[in-house]
């Protein structure tokens, strides 16, 4: 499955190595006339392999998300982060690997909206935080957002694990 090959440092991806990380996707803005607020959908990497997500594009994003040599369990990653990480590989752009990350994101969001994929919606992003999710160079703002959302994600996960949460055996978070 390793379609990227070795990067400039000689490292290769190990798809699925860190399957318990998360992908944050910026949801589309609300209809005109409503206050503009940034909203993020947080999903597990498995959402990229859903049958409604165009393949092989979804599996290539999955490969980079779960197989990156520096990926940590529980890490929250945005498409802009993946774009930056991709620059270390010989095919250093989404176009070069044949992926439209926006199309992949919209497919995952559609699956979530239809109840086919579980996800956690976070609504209170500021304007700059939302912009940082579409601009790879805004690493400082995105880093602050990583910290804030990772804390909220961990808290939501603890609530989900609690015996009174109503989860059933076999349920996955988020």
Protein backbone atom coordinates (compact mmCIF):
# COMPACT_ATOMS: atom_id res chain seq x y z
CA UNK A 1 0.00 0.00 0.00
CA UNK A 2 3.01 2.35 0.38
CA UNK A 3 2.46 4.51 -2.69
CA UNK A 4 4.63 7.36 -1.43
CA UNK A 5 7.97 5.57 -1.22
CA UNK A 6 10.79 6.91 0.96
CA UNK A 7 10.88 10.61 1.84
CA UNK A 8 13.91 12.91 1.65
CA UNK A 9 15.12 11.50 4.99
CA UNK A 10 14.79 7.89 3.80
CA UNK A 11 11.73 7.25 5.99
CA UNK A 12 8.74 5.33 4.70
CA UNK A 13 5.13 5.40 5.77
CA UNK A 14 3.66 2.48 7.70
CA UNK A 15 -0.08 2.78 7.01
CA UNK A 16 -2.17 1.93 10.06
CA UNK A 17 0.78 2.22 12.46
CA UNK A 18 -1.11 4.87 14.46
CA UNK A 19 -4.76 4.13 13.75
CA UNK A 20 -5.86 5.87 16.94
CA UNK A 21 -5.09 9.41 15.78
CA UNK A 22 -7.75 11.86 14.59
CA UNK A 23 -8.41 13.95 11.49
CA UNK A 24 -9.90 17.43 11.90
CA UNK A 25 -11.90 18.76 8.97
CA UNK A 26 -13.21 22.30 8.61
CA UNK A 27 -16.96 22.22 8.08
CA UNK A 28 -18.45 24.57 5.48
CA UNK A 29 -19.59 27.97 6.78
CA UNK A 30 -23.26 28.43 7.71
CA UNK A 31 -25.76 29.87 5.22
CA UNK A 32 -25.54 33.58 4.48
CA UNK A 33 -27.03 35.76 7.17
CA UNK A 34 -25.93 33.60 10.09
CA UNK A 35 -22.94 34.65 12.20
CA UNK A 36 -19.71 33.29 10.77
CA UNK A 37 -18.06 30.80 13.08
CA UNK A 38 -15.54 28.10 12.45
CA UNK A 39 -16.61 24.53 13.03
CA UNK A 40 -14.41 21.44 12.98
CA UNK A 41 -15.44 17.83 12.54
CA UNK A 42 -13.09 15.34 14.20
CA UNK A 43 -13.14 11.79 12.81
CA UNK A 44 -11.05 8.66 13.05
CA UNK A 45 -8.82 7.69 10.10
CA UNK A 46 -11.18 4.82 9.24
CA UNK A 47 -13.61 7.43 7.85
CA UNK A 48 -11.19 7.91 4.94
CA UNK A 49 -11.76 4.30 3.89
CA UNK A 50 -15.56 4.57 3.75
CA UNK A 51 -16.95 3.32 0.41
CA UNK A 52 -18.39 6.78 -0.42
CA UNK A 53 -14.92 8.38 -0.20
CA UNK A 54 -13.23 8.43 -3.60
CA UNK A 55 -10.43 5.86 -3.73
CA UNK A 56 -7.47 5.69 -3.96
CA UNK A 57 -7.51 9.32 -2.75
CA UNK A 58 -9.01 8.43 0.64
CA UNK A 59 -6.55 5.60 1.20
CA UNK A 60 -3.61 7.86 0.28
CA UNK A 61 -4.69 10.42 2.88
CA UNK A 62 -5.17 7.52 5.34
CA UNK A 63 -1.66 6.30 4.55
CA UNK A 64 -0.11 9.69 5.30
CA UNK A 65 -2.31 10.27 8.37
CA UNK A 66 -1.74 6.91 10.08
CA UNK A 67 1.68 5.98 8.74
CA UNK A 68 3.74 9.13 9.20
CA UNK A 69 6.94 8.25 11.11
CA UNK A 70 6.37 11.03 13.67
CA UNK A 71 2.65 10.43 14.27
CA UNK A 72 1.66 9.88 17.90
CA UNK A 73 -1.37 8.01 19.28
CA UNK A 74 -4.23 10.38 20.05
CA UNK A 75 -2.76 13.12 17.85
CA UNK A 76 -5.16 15.50 16.13
CA UNK A 77 -4.10 16.28 12.56
CA UNK A 78 -5.60 18.74 10.06
CA UNK A 79 -5.38 18.62 6.26
CA UNK A 80 -3.06 21.65 6.37
CA UNK A 81 -0.70 19.62 8.60
CA UNK A 82 -0.75 16.75 6.13
CA UNK A 83 -0.02 19.21 3.31
CA UNK A 84 3.10 20.36 5.16
CA UNK A 85 4.16 16.79 5.92
CA UNK A 86 3.72 15.80 2.28
CA UNK A 87 6.43 18.28 1.24
CA UNK A 88 9.13 15.86 2.48
CA UNK A 89 8.19 13.23 -0.13
CA UNK A 90 9.32 13.31 -3.76
CA UNK A 91 5.71 13.79 -4.90
CA UNK A 92 5.44 16.88 -2.72
CA UNK A 93 1.94 18.11 -3.57
CA UNK A 94 -1.55 16.66 -3.45
CA UNK A 95 -1.78 17.12 -7.22
CA UNK A 96 1.38 15.06 -7.74
CA UNK A 97 -0.09 12.14 -5.78
CA UNK A 98 -3.47 12.55 -7.50
CA UNK A 99 -5.45 13.65 -4.45
CA UNK A 100 -7.91 16.51 -4.06
CA UNK A 101 -7.97 16.82 -0.25
CA UNK A 102 -11.03 19.09 -0.38
CA UNK A 103 -12.98 16.43 -2.31
CA UNK A 104 -11.91 13.76 0.21
CA UNK A 105 -12.90 16.02 3.14
CA UNK A 106 -16.31 16.78 1.61
CA UNK A 107 -16.97 13.06 1.07
CA UNK A 108 -16.14 12.29 4.72
CA UNK A 109 -18.30 15.21 5.88
CA UNK A 110 -21.16 13.91 3.71
CA UNK A 111 -20.84 10.47 5.29
CA UNK A 112 -20.95 12.07 8.74
CA UNK A 113 -24.00 14.19 7.86
CA UNK A 114 -25.78 11.04 6.68
CA UNK A 115 -24.91 9.22 9.92
CA UNK A 116 -22.59 6.72 8.22
CA UNK A 117 -19.45 7.95 10.00
CA UNK A 118 -19.12 8.95 13.66
CA UNK A 119 -17.54 12.27 14.45
CA UNK A 120 -17.20 14.97 17.05
CA UNK A 121 -18.29 18.49 16.09
CA UNK A 122 -16.52 21.45 17.72
CA UNK A 123 -18.22 24.78 17.05
CA UNK A 124 -16.30 27.60 18.69
CA UNK A 125 -13.35 28.27 16.40
CA UNK A 126 -12.29 31.86 15.95
CA UNK A 127 -11.83 33.41 12.51
CA UNK A 128 -8.02 33.07 12.55
CA UNK A 129 -8.23 29.47 13.80
CA UNK A 130 -10.59 28.55 10.96
CA UNK A 131 -8.30 30.25 8.43
CA UNK A 132 -5.30 28.34 9.77
CA UNK A 133 -6.97 25.07 8.76
CA UNK A 134 -6.83 26.03 5.10
CA UNK A 135 -3.39 27.66 5.11
CA UNK A 136 -0.42 25.38 5.83
CA UNK A 137 1.86 28.36 6.64
CA UNK A 138 -0.26 29.37 9.67
CA UNK A 139 1.46 26.82 11.91
CA UNK A 140 1.49 28.95 15.08
CA UNK A 141 -2.27 29.52 15.18
CA UNK A 142 -2.91 25.90 14.19
CA UNK A 143 -0.56 24.75 16.94
CA UNK A 144 -2.59 26.67 19.52
CA UNK A 145 -5.77 25.15 18.10
CA UNK A 146 -4.22 21.66 18.29
CA UNK A 147 -3.60 22.14 22.00
CA UNK A 148 -7.08 23.45 22.73
CA UNK A 149 -8.93 20.81 20.70
CA UNK A 150 -6.73 17.93 21.89
CA UNK A 151 -7.71 18.79 25.47
CA UNK A 152 -11.40 18.87 24.54
CA UNK A 153 -11.07 15.63 22.59
CA UNK A 154 -9.48 13.89 25.58
CA UNK A 155 -12.26 15.17 27.87
CA UNK A 156 -14.96 13.96 25.45
CA UNK A 157 -13.22 10.59 25.24
CA UNK A 158 -13.18 10.25 29.04
CA UNK A 159 -16.92 11.09 29.18
CA UNK A 160 -17.55 8.52 26.46
CA UNK A 161 -15.64 5.87 28.42
CA UNK A 162 -17.68 6.49 31.59
CA UNK A 163 -20.15 3.67 32.38
CA UNK A 164 -23.09 6.09 32.27
CA UNK A 165 -22.32 7.31 28.74
CA UNK A 166 -24.73 4.87 27.09
CA UNK A 167 -22.10 3.42 24.77
CA UNK A 168 -22.57 -0.15 23.70
CA UNK A 169 -19.94 -2.90 23.32
CA UNK A 170 -18.24 -2.45 19.97
CA UNK A 171 -18.98 1.31 19.77
CA UNK A 172 -16.02 3.37 18.57
CA UNK A 173 -15.04 6.87 19.58
CA UNK A 174 -15.86 9.42 18.13
